[in-house]
Amino acid sequence: MVQSKKKVGKSETVLVKEFCSRSSDDDLRALADLLPQTIAFDRSSACAILQKDNQVDRWLSQATGADDWFVRIDSVGDAAAAELDRRSSKK
């Protein structure tokens, strides 16, 4: 993930967690695998999943710059991995 001191706000964290909770296992696995990568293809593949959700797509488009966009993307990757862990611990 991008090494940044910036973090998303509380309301943004809620948005990301809600998105992850309603995402399919396949989408979560893809996001958790692709987003930590710094390869442009992997990030663009992950963005194809994220743009399916209007709220998340709108939120990402409101990034104030590249650093902010990467902070937001990283927060989704972290939340996706956490949601996968939560789901697997219930099985």
PDB file of N, CA and C in Angstrom:
ATOM      1  N   MET A   1       0.834  -1.177   0.000  1.00  0.00           N
ATOM      2  CA  MET A   1       0.000   0.000   0.000  1.00  0.00           C
ATOM      3  C   MET A   1       0.886   1.251   0.000  1.00  0.00           C
ATOM      4  N   VAL A   2       0.321   2.333  -0.412  1.00  0.00           N
ATOM      5  CA  VAL A   2       1.047   3.598  -0.438  1.00  0.00           C
ATOM      6  C   VAL A   2       1.369   4.015   0.985  1.00  0.00           C
ATOM      7  N   GLN A   3       2.596   4.411   1.204  1.00  0.00           N
ATOM      8  CA  GLN A   3       3.005   4.857   2.527  1.00  0.00           C
ATOM      9  C   GLN A   3       2.641   6.325   2.670  1.00  0.00           C
ATOM     10  N   SER A   4       1.601   6.612   3.381  1.00  0.00           N
ATOM     11  CA  SER A   4       1.142   7.979   3.545  1.00  0.00           C
ATOM     12  C   SER A   4       0.618   8.158   4.954  1.00  0.00           C
ATOM     13  N   LYS A   5       0.792   9.364   5.481  1.00  0.00           N
ATOM     14  CA  LYS A   5       0.269   9.657   6.803  1.00  0.00           C
ATOM     15  C   LYS A   5      -1.203  10.016   6.731  1.00  0.00           C
ATOM     16  N   LYS A   6      -1.687  10.309   5.514  1.00  0.00           N
ATOM     17  CA  LYS A   6      -3.091  10.668   5.350  1.00  0.00           C
ATOM     18  C   LYS A   6      -3.957   9.437   5.527  1.00  0.00           C
ATOM     19  N   LYS A   7      -5.116   9.652   6.074  1.00  0.00           N
ATOM     20  CA  LYS A   7      -6.094   8.573   6.227  1.00  0.00           C
ATOM     21  C   LYS A   7      -7.443   9.101   5.797  1.00  0.00           C
ATOM     22  N   VAL A   8      -8.342   8.176   5.498  1.00  0.00           N
ATOM     23  CA  VAL A   8      -9.685   8.598   5.141  1.00  0.00           C
ATOM     24  C   VAL A   8     -10.448   8.954   6.411  1.00  0.00           C
ATOM     25  N   GLY A   9     -11.454   9.798   6.258  1.00  0.00           N
ATOM     26  CA  GLY A   9     -12.268  10.215   7.395  1.00  0.00           C
ATOM     27  C   GLY A   9     -13.203   9.124   7.863  1.00  0.00           C
ATOM     28  N   LYS A  10     -13.854   9.381   8.996  1.00  0.00           N
ATOM     29  CA  LYS A  10     -14.747   8.392   9.601  1.00  0.00           C
ATOM     30  C   LYS A  10     -15.914   8.045   8.682  1.00  0.00           C
ATOM     31  N   SER A  11     -16.540   9.051   8.067  1.00  0.00           N
ATOM     32  CA  SER A  11     -17.676   8.767   7.185  1.00  0.00           C
ATOM     33  C   SER A  11     -17.218   8.003   5.941  1.00  0.00           C
ATOM     34  N   GLU A  12     -15.997   8.286   5.480  1.00  0.00           N
ATOM     35  CA  GLU A  12     -15.453   7.559   4.339  1.00  0.00           C
ATOM     36  C   GLU A  12     -15.169   6.110   4.710  1.00  0.00           C
ATOM     37  N   THR A  13     -14.687   5.897   5.932  1.00  0.00           N
ATOM     38  CA  THR A  13     -14.420   4.541   6.411  1.00  0.00           C
ATOM     39  C   THR A  13     -15.717   3.732   6.445  1.00  0.00           C
ATOM     40  N   VAL A  14     -16.786   4.352   6.884  1.00  0.00           N
ATOM     41  CA  VAL A  14     -18.089   3.686   6.921  1.00  0.00           C
ATOM     42  C   VAL A  14     -18.519   3.312   5.504  1.00  0.00           C
ATOM     43  N   LEU A  15     -18.364   4.230   4.553  1.00  0.00           N
ATOM     44  CA  LEU A  15     -18.725   3.974   3.166  1.00  0.00           C
ATOM     45  C   LEU A  15     -17.956   2.775   2.628  1.00  0.00           C
ATOM     46  N   VAL A  16     -16.655   2.728   2.896  1.00  0.00           N
ATOM     47  CA  VAL A  16     -15.813   1.644   2.406  1.00  0.00           C
ATOM     48  C   VAL A  16     -16.195   0.321   3.064  1.00  0.00           C
ATOM     49  N   LYS A  17     -16.429   0.335   4.368  1.00  0.00           N
ATOM     50  CA  LYS A  17     -16.821  -0.902   5.066  1.00  0.00           C
ATOM     51  C   LYS A  17     -18.166  -1.412   4.560  1.00  0.00           C
ATOM     52  N   GLU A  18     -19.118  -0.516   4.331  1.00  0.00           N
ATOM     53  CA  GLU A  18     -20.422  -0.928   3.807  1.00  0.00           C
ATOM     54  C   GLU A  18     -20.279  -1.515   2.409  1.00  0.00           C
ATOM     55  N   PHE A  19     -19.442  -0.894   1.585  1.00  0.00           N
ATOM     56  CA  PHE A  19     -19.193  -1.425   0.249  1.00  0.00           C
ATOM     57  C   PHE A  19     -18.638  -2.844   0.342  1.00  0.00           C
ATOM     58  N   CYS A  20     -17.650  -3.033   1.191  1.00  0.00           N
ATOM     59  CA  CYS A  20     -17.028  -4.355   1.332  1.00  0.00           C
ATOM     60  C   CYS A  20     -18.016  -5.383   1.869  1.00  0.00           C
ATOM     61  N   SER A  21     -18.877  -4.971   2.786  1.00  0.00           N
ATOM     62  CA  SER A  21     -19.814  -5.936   3.361  1.00  0.00           C
ATOM     63  C   SER A  21     -20.845  -6.411   2.342  1.00  0.00           C
ATOM     64  N   ARG A  22     -21.139  -5.604   1.342  1.00  0.00           N
ATOM     65  CA  ARG A  22     -22.121  -6.027   0.337  1.00  0.00           C
ATOM     66  C   ARG A  22     -21.473  -6.570  -0.940  1.00  0.00           C
ATOM     67  N   SER A  23     -20.139  -6.603  -0.966  1.00  0.00           N
ATOM     68  CA  SER A  23     -19.419  -7.133  -2.124  1.00  0.00           C
ATOM     69  C   SER A  23     -19.353  -8.653  -2.063  1.00  0.00           C
ATOM     70  N   SER A  24     -19.248  -9.255  -3.230  1.00  0.00           N
ATOM     71  CA  SER A  24     -19.138 -10.714  -3.297  1.00  0.00           C
ATOM     72  C   SER A  24     -17.758 -11.157  -2.827  1.00  0.00           C
ATOM     73  N   ASP A  25     -17.658 -12.414  -2.429  1.00  0.00           N
ATOM     74  CA  ASP A  25     -16.361 -12.966  -2.024  1.00  0.00           C
ATOM     75  C   ASP A  25     -15.349 -12.838  -3.159  1.00  0.00           C
ATOM     76  N   ASP A  26     -15.780 -13.100  -4.393  1.00  0.00           N
ATOM     77  CA  ASP A  26     -14.875 -13.014  -5.537  1.00  0.00           C
ATOM     78  C   ASP A  26     -14.344 -11.596  -5.715  1.00  0.00           C
ATOM     79  N   ASP A  27     -15.227 -10.609  -5.611  1.00  0.00           N
ATOM     80  CA  ASP A  27     -14.780  -9.219  -5.747  1.00  0.00           C
ATOM     81  C   ASP A  27     -13.835  -8.831  -4.614  1.00  0.00           C
ATOM     82  N   LEU A  28     -14.148  -9.261  -3.389  1.00  0.00           N
ATOM     83  CA  LEU A  28     -13.264  -8.951  -2.257  1.00  0.00           C
ATOM     84  C   LEU A  28     -11.886  -9.572  -2.433  1.00  0.00           C
ATOM     85  N   ARG A  29     -11.852 -10.825  -2.875  1.00  0.00           N
ATOM     86  CA  ARG A  29     -10.563 -11.494  -3.101  1.00  0.00           C
ATOM     87  C   ARG A  29      -9.768 -10.745  -4.168  1.00  0.00           C
ATOM     88  N   ALA A  30     -10.447 -10.357  -5.239  1.00  0.00           N
ATOM     89  CA  ALA A  30      -9.770  -9.629  -6.317  1.00  0.00           C
ATOM     90  C   ALA A  30      -9.223  -8.302  -5.801  1.00  0.00           C
ATOM     91  N   LEU A  31     -10.029  -7.565  -5.049  1.00  0.00           N
ATOM     92  CA  LEU A  31      -9.574  -6.279  -4.522  1.00  0.00           C
ATOM     93  C   LEU A  31      -8.413  -6.457  -3.547  1.00  0.00           C
ATOM     94  N   ALA A  32      -8.529  -7.438  -2.662  1.00  0.00           N
ATOM     95  CA  ALA A  32      -7.464  -7.673  -1.677  1.00  0.00           C
ATOM     96  C   ALA A  32      -6.171  -8.112  -2.366  1.00  0.00           C
ATOM     97  N   ASP A  33      -6.284  -8.819  -3.487  1.00  0.00           N
ATOM     98  CA  ASP A  33      -5.096  -9.259  -4.215  1.00  0.00           C
ATOM     99  C   ASP A  33      -4.523  -8.154  -5.105  1.00  0.00           C
ATOM    100  N   LEU A  34      -5.393  -7.395  -5.762  1.00  0.00           N
ATOM    101  CA  LEU A  34      -4.941  -6.430  -6.757  1.00  0.00           C
ATOM    102  C   LEU A  34      -4.509  -5.085  -6.193  1.00  0.00           C
ATOM    103  N   LEU A  35      -5.210  -4.582  -5.187  1.00  0.00           N
ATOM    104  CA  LEU A  35      -4.937  -3.229  -4.723  1.00  0.00           C
ATOM    105  C   LEU A  35      -3.571  -3.035  -4.064  1.00  0.00           C
ATOM    106  N   PRO A  36      -3.027  -4.024  -3.368  1.00  0.00           N
ATOM    107  CA  PRO A  36      -1.683  -3.808  -2.812  1.00  0.00           C
ATOM    108  C   PRO A  36      -0.597  -3.716  -3.895  1.00  0.00           C
ATOM    109  N   GLN A  37      -0.911  -4.158  -5.092  1.00  0.00           N
ATOM    110  CA  GLN A  37       0.062  -4.132  -6.179  1.00  0.00           C
ATOM    111  C   GLN A  37       0.239  -2.708  -6.698  1.00  0.00           C
ATOM    112  N   THR A  38       1.426  -2.393  -7.116  1.00  0.00           N
ATOM    113  CA  THR A  38       1.677  -1.065  -7.675  1.00  0.00           C
ATOM    114  C   THR A  38       1.686  -1.089  -9.196  1.00  0.00           C
ATOM    115  N   ILE A  39       1.368  -2.228  -9.767  1.00  0.00           N
ATOM    116  CA  ILE A  39       1.321  -2.360 -11.220  1.00  0.00           C
ATOM    117  C   ILE A  39       0.026  -1.734 -11.713  1.00  0.00           C
ATOM    118  N   ALA A  40       0.114  -0.885 -12.686  1.00  0.00           N
ATOM    119  CA  ALA A  40      -1.050  -0.140 -13.180  1.00  0.00           C
ATOM    120  C   ALA A  40      -2.170  -1.079 -13.631  1.00  0.00           C
ATOM    121  N   PHE A  41      -1.829  -2.195 -14.278  1.00  0.00           N
ATOM    122  CA  PHE A  41      -2.864  -3.114 -14.742  1.00  0.00           C
ATOM    123  C   PHE A  41      -3.686  -3.657 -13.578  1.00  0.00           C
ATOM    124  N   ASP A  42      -3.022  -4.005 -12.485  1.00  0.00           N
ATOM    125  CA  ASP A  42      -3.732  -4.542 -11.329  1.00  0.00           C
ATOM    126  C   ASP A  42      -4.674  -3.507 -10.732  1.00  0.00           C
ATOM    127  N   ARG A  43      -4.212  -2.284 -10.619  1.00  0.00           N
ATOM    128  CA  ARG A  43      -5.058  -1.219 -10.066  1.00  0.00           C
ATOM    129  C   ARG A  43      -6.226  -0.922 -11.000  1.00  0.00           C
ATOM    130  N   SER A  44      -5.998  -0.941 -12.302  1.00  0.00           N
ATOM    131  CA  SER A  44      -7.101  -0.667 -13.226  1.00  0.00           C
ATOM    132  C   SER A  44      -8.119  -1.800 -13.203  1.00  0.00           C
ATOM    133  N   SER A  45      -7.671  -3.027 -13.013  1.00  0.00           N
ATOM    134  CA  SER A  45      -8.595  -4.156 -12.884  1.00  0.00           C
ATOM    135  C   SER A  45      -9.438  -4.011 -11.622  1.00  0.00           C
ATOM    136  N   ALA A  46      -8.809  -3.574 -10.539  1.00  0.00           N
ATOM    137  CA  ALA A  46      -9.543  -3.345  -9.291  1.00  0.00           C
ATOM    138  C   ALA A  46     -10.546  -2.210  -9.467  1.00  0.00           C
ATOM    139  N   CYS A  47     -10.158  -1.180 -10.192  1.00  0.00           N
ATOM    140  CA  CYS A  47     -11.067  -0.046 -10.410  1.00  0.00           C
ATOM    141  C   CYS A  47     -12.294  -0.452 -11.208  1.00  0.00           C
ATOM    142  N   ALA A  48     -12.158  -1.435 -12.073  1.00  0.00           N
ATOM    143  CA  ALA A  48     -13.313  -1.938 -12.812  1.00  0.00           C
ATOM    144  C   ALA A  48     -14.342  -2.528 -11.852  1.00  0.00           C
ATOM    145  N   ILE A  49     -13.879  -3.127 -10.776  1.00  0.00           N
ATOM    146  CA  ILE A  49     -14.786  -3.664  -9.748  1.00  0.00           C
ATOM    147  C   ILE A  49     -15.392  -2.511  -8.954  1.00  0.00           C
ATOM    148  N   LEU A  50     -14.571  -1.555  -8.572  1.00  0.00           N
ATOM    149  CA  LEU A  50     -15.038  -0.446  -7.732  1.00  0.00           C
ATOM    150  C   LEU A  50     -16.053   0.434  -8.439  1.00  0.00           C
ATOM    151  N   GLN A  51     -15.910   0.622  -9.731  1.00  0.00           N
ATOM    152  CA  GLN A  51     -16.834   1.506 -10.431  1.00  0.00           C
ATOM    153  C   GLN A  51     -18.233   0.902 -10.585  1.00  0.00           C
ATOM    154  N   LYS A  52     -18.379  -0.371 -10.271  1.00  0.00           N
ATOM    155  CA  LYS A  52     -19.721  -0.982 -10.291  1.00  0.00           C
ATOM    156  C   LYS A  52     -20.597  -0.417  -9.181  1.00  0.00           C
ATOM    157  N   ASP A  53     -19.995   0.122  -8.145  1.00  0.00           N
ATOM    158  CA  ASP A  53     -20.725   0.702  -7.022  1.00  0.00           C
ATOM    159  C   ASP A  53     -20.730   2.226  -7.186  1.00  0.00           C
ATOM    160  N   ASN A  54     -21.914   2.801  -7.412  1.00  0.00           N
ATOM    161  CA  ASN A  54     -22.016   4.234  -7.687  1.00  0.00           C
ATOM    162  C   ASN A  54     -21.459   5.099  -6.568  1.00  0.00           C
ATOM    163  N   GLN A  55     -21.730   4.734  -5.307  1.00  0.00           N
ATOM    164  CA  GLN A  55     -21.241   5.543  -4.182  1.00  0.00           C
ATOM    165  C   GLN A  55     -19.713   5.552  -4.125  1.00  0.00           C
ATOM    166  N   VAL A  56     -19.113   4.391  -4.260  1.00  0.00           N
ATOM    167  CA  VAL A  56     -17.654   4.293  -4.203  1.00  0.00           C
ATOM    168  C   VAL A  56     -17.035   4.985  -5.415  1.00  0.00           C
ATOM    169  N   ASP A  57     -17.619   4.804  -6.582  1.00  0.00           N
ATOM    170  CA  ASP A  57     -17.118   5.447  -7.792  1.00  0.00           C
ATOM    171  C   ASP A  57     -17.149   6.972  -7.642  1.00  0.00           C
ATOM    172  N   ARG A  58     -18.246   7.492  -7.125  1.00  0.00           N
ATOM    173  CA  ARG A  58     -18.376   8.941  -6.919  1.00  0.00           C
ATOM    174  C   ARG A  58     -17.339   9.430  -5.896  1.00  0.00           C
ATOM    175  N   TRP A  59     -17.188   8.677  -4.807  1.00  0.00           N
ATOM    176  CA  TRP A  59     -16.237   9.038  -3.761  1.00  0.00           C
ATOM    177  C   TRP A  59     -14.811   9.071  -4.307  1.00  0.00           C
ATOM    178  N   LEU A  60     -14.444   8.074  -5.105  1.00  0.00           N
ATOM    179  CA  LEU A  60     -13.099   8.053  -5.680  1.00  0.00           C
ATOM    180  C   LEU A  60     -12.894   9.212  -6.652  1.00  0.00           C
ATOM    181  N   SER A  61     -13.930   9.566  -7.388  1.00  0.00           N
ATOM    182  CA  SER A  61     -13.800  10.659  -8.356  1.00  0.00           C
ATOM    183  C   SER A  61     -13.654  12.021  -7.675  1.00  0.00           C
ATOM    184  N   GLN A  62     -13.967  12.102  -6.390  1.00  0.00           N
ATOM    185  CA  GLN A  62     -13.851  13.352  -5.650  1.00  0.00           C
ATOM    186  C   GLN A  62     -12.478  13.528  -5.000  1.00  0.00           C
ATOM    187  N   ALA A  63     -11.557  12.636  -5.285  1.00  0.00           N
ATOM    188  CA  ALA A  63     -10.204  12.761  -4.730  1.00  0.00           C
ATOM    189  C   ALA A  63      -9.604  14.091  -5.182  1.00  0.00           C
ATOM    190  N   THR A  64      -8.892  14.731  -4.286  1.00  0.00           N
ATOM    191  CA  THR A  64      -8.333  16.050  -4.575  1.00  0.00           C
ATOM    192  C   THR A  64      -7.018  15.987  -5.341  1.00  0.00           C
ATOM    193  N   GLY A  65      -6.517  14.831  -5.558  1.00  0.00           N
ATOM    194  CA  GLY A  65      -5.274  14.650  -6.308  1.00  0.00           C
ATOM    195  C   GLY A  65      -4.854  13.193  -6.271  1.00  0.00           C
ATOM    196  N   ALA A  66      -3.712  12.928  -6.858  1.00  0.00           N
ATOM    197  CA  ALA A  66      -3.229  11.549  -6.937  1.00  0.00           C
ATOM    198  C   ALA A  66      -2.984  10.943  -5.560  1.00  0.00           C
ATOM    199  N   ASP A  67      -2.351  11.706  -4.663  1.00  0.00           N
ATOM    200  CA  ASP A  67      -2.093  11.172  -3.317  1.00  0.00           C
ATOM    201  C   ASP A  67      -3.388  10.807  -2.611  1.00  0.00           C
ATOM    202  N   ASP A  68      -4.367  11.677  -2.694  1.00  0.00           N
ATOM    203  CA  ASP A  68      -5.668  11.422  -2.067  1.00  0.00           C
ATOM    204  C   ASP A  68      -6.331  10.196  -2.686  1.00  0.00           C
ATOM    205  N   TRP A  69      -6.235  10.060  -4.001  1.00  0.00           N
ATOM    206  CA  TRP A  69      -6.831   8.907  -4.691  1.00  0.00           C
ATOM    207  C   TRP A  69      -6.192   7.611  -4.204  1.00  0.00           C
ATOM    208  N   PHE A  70      -4.860   7.605  -4.080  1.00  0.00           N
ATOM    209  CA  PHE A  70      -4.177   6.397  -3.620  1.00  0.00           C
ATOM    210  C   PHE A  70      -4.512   6.083  -2.164  1.00  0.00           C
ATOM    211  N   VAL A  71      -4.655   7.088  -1.334  1.00  0.00           N
ATOM    212  CA  VAL A  71      -5.062   6.866   0.055  1.00  0.00           C
ATOM    213  C   VAL A  71      -6.436   6.204   0.072  1.00  0.00           C
ATOM    214  N   ARG A  72      -7.347   6.693  -0.752  1.00  0.00           N
ATOM    215  CA  ARG A  72      -8.697   6.119  -0.814  1.00  0.00           C
ATOM    216  C   ARG A  72      -8.662   4.684  -1.320  1.00  0.00           C
ATOM    217  N   ILE A  73      -7.903   4.444  -2.374  1.00  0.00           N
ATOM    218  CA  ILE A  73      -7.780   3.090  -2.934  1.00  0.00           C
ATOM    219  C   ILE A  73      -7.179   2.142  -1.897  1.00  0.00           C
ATOM    220  N   ASP A  74      -6.156   2.604  -1.203  1.00  0.00           N
ATOM    221  CA  ASP A  74      -5.530   1.766  -0.180  1.00  0.00           C
ATOM    222  C   ASP A  74      -6.504   1.428   0.946  1.00  0.00           C
ATOM    223  N   SER A  75      -7.369   2.380   1.292  1.00  0.00           N
ATOM    224  CA  SER A  75      -8.346   2.111   2.355  1.00  0.00           C
ATOM    225  C   SER A  75      -9.337   1.035   1.919  1.00  0.00           C
ATOM    226  N   VAL A  76      -9.676   1.019   0.638  1.00  0.00           N
ATOM    227  CA  VAL A  76     -10.568  -0.033   0.127  1.00  0.00           C
ATOM    228  C   VAL A  76      -9.857  -1.381   0.185  1.00  0.00           C
ATOM    229  N   GLY A  77      -8.597  -1.417  -0.224  1.00  0.00           N
ATOM    230  CA  GLY A  77      -7.838  -2.670  -0.171  1.00  0.00           C
ATOM    231  C   GLY A  77      -7.721  -3.205   1.240  1.00  0.00           C
ATOM    232  N   ASP A  78      -7.447  -2.326   2.188  1.00  0.00           N
ATOM    233  CA  ASP A  78      -7.361  -2.739   3.599  1.00  0.00           C
ATOM    234  C   ASP A  78      -8.705  -3.265   4.102  1.00  0.00           C
ATOM    235  N   ALA A  79      -9.771  -2.567   3.758  1.00  0.00           N
ATOM    236  CA  ALA A  79     -11.101  -2.984   4.208  1.00  0.00           C
ATOM    237  C   ALA A  79     -11.525  -4.292   3.544  1.00  0.00           C
ATOM    238  N   ALA A  80     -11.159  -4.481   2.291  1.00  0.00           N
ATOM    239  CA  ALA A  80     -11.488  -5.727   1.595  1.00  0.00           C
ATOM    240  C   ALA A  80     -10.786  -6.908   2.259  1.00  0.00           C
ATOM    241  N   ALA A  81      -9.514  -6.732   2.586  1.00  0.00           N
ATOM    242  CA  ALA A  81      -8.773  -7.805   3.258  1.00  0.00           C
ATOM    243  C   ALA A  81      -9.370  -8.090   4.635  1.00  0.00           C
ATOM    244  N   ALA A  82      -9.749  -7.052   5.370  1.00  0.00           N
ATOM    245  CA  ALA A  82     -10.355  -7.236   6.698  1.00  0.00           C
ATOM    246  C   ALA A  82     -11.700  -7.951   6.586  1.00  0.00           C
ATOM    247  N   GLU A  83     -12.501  -7.587   5.602  1.00  0.00           N
ATOM    248  CA  GLU A  83     -13.806  -8.234   5.410  1.00  0.00           C
ATOM    249  C   GLU A  83     -13.625  -9.700   5.031  1.00  0.00           C
ATOM    250  N   LEU A  84     -12.642 -10.006   4.190  1.00  0.00           N
ATOM    251  CA  LEU A  84     -12.359 -11.412   3.848  1.00  0.00           C
ATOM    252  C   LEU A  84     -11.957 -12.200   5.085  1.00  0.00           C
ATOM    253  N   ASP A  85     -11.111 -11.617   5.928  1.00  0.00           N
ATOM    254  CA  ASP A  85     -10.708 -12.284   7.168  1.00  0.00           C
ATOM    255  C   ASP A  85     -11.929 -12.526   8.065  1.00  0.00           C
ATOM    256  N   ARG A  86     -12.794 -11.525   8.168  1.00  0.00           N
ATOM    257  CA  ARG A  86     -13.987 -11.652   9.000  1.00  0.00           C
ATOM    258  C   ARG A  86     -14.878 -12.774   8.478  1.00  0.00           C
ATOM    259  N   ARG A  87     -15.076 -12.811   7.173  1.00  0.00           N
ATOM    260  CA  ARG A  87     -15.919 -13.853   6.581  1.00  0.00           C
ATOM    261  C   ARG A  87     -15.325 -15.236   6.748  1.00  0.00           C
ATOM    262  N   SER A  88     -14.005 -15.353   6.571  1.00  0.00           N
ATOM    263  CA  SER A  88     -13.381 -16.676   6.685  1.00  0.00           C
ATOM    264  C   SER A  88     -13.368 -17.163   8.133  1.00  0.00           C
ATOM    265  N   SER A  89     -13.345 -16.255   9.100  1.00  0.00           N
ATOM    266  CA  SER A  89     -13.355 -16.680  10.500  1.00  0.00           C
ATOM    267  C   SER A  89     -14.732 -17.169  10.925  1.00  0.00           C
ATOM    268  N   LYS A  90     -15.757 -16.821  10.165  1.00  0.00           N
ATOM    269  CA  LYS A  90     -17.120 -17.277  10.477  1.00  0.00           C
ATOM    270  C   LYS A  90     -17.390 -18.674   9.933  1.00  0.00           C
ATOM    271  N   LYS A  91     -16.537 -19.132   9.022  1.00  0.00           N
ATOM    272  CA  LYS A  91     -16.771 -20.448   8.381  1.00  0.00           C
ATOM    273  C   LYS A  91     -16.253 -21.565   9.222  1.00  0.00           C
TER     274      LYS A  91
END
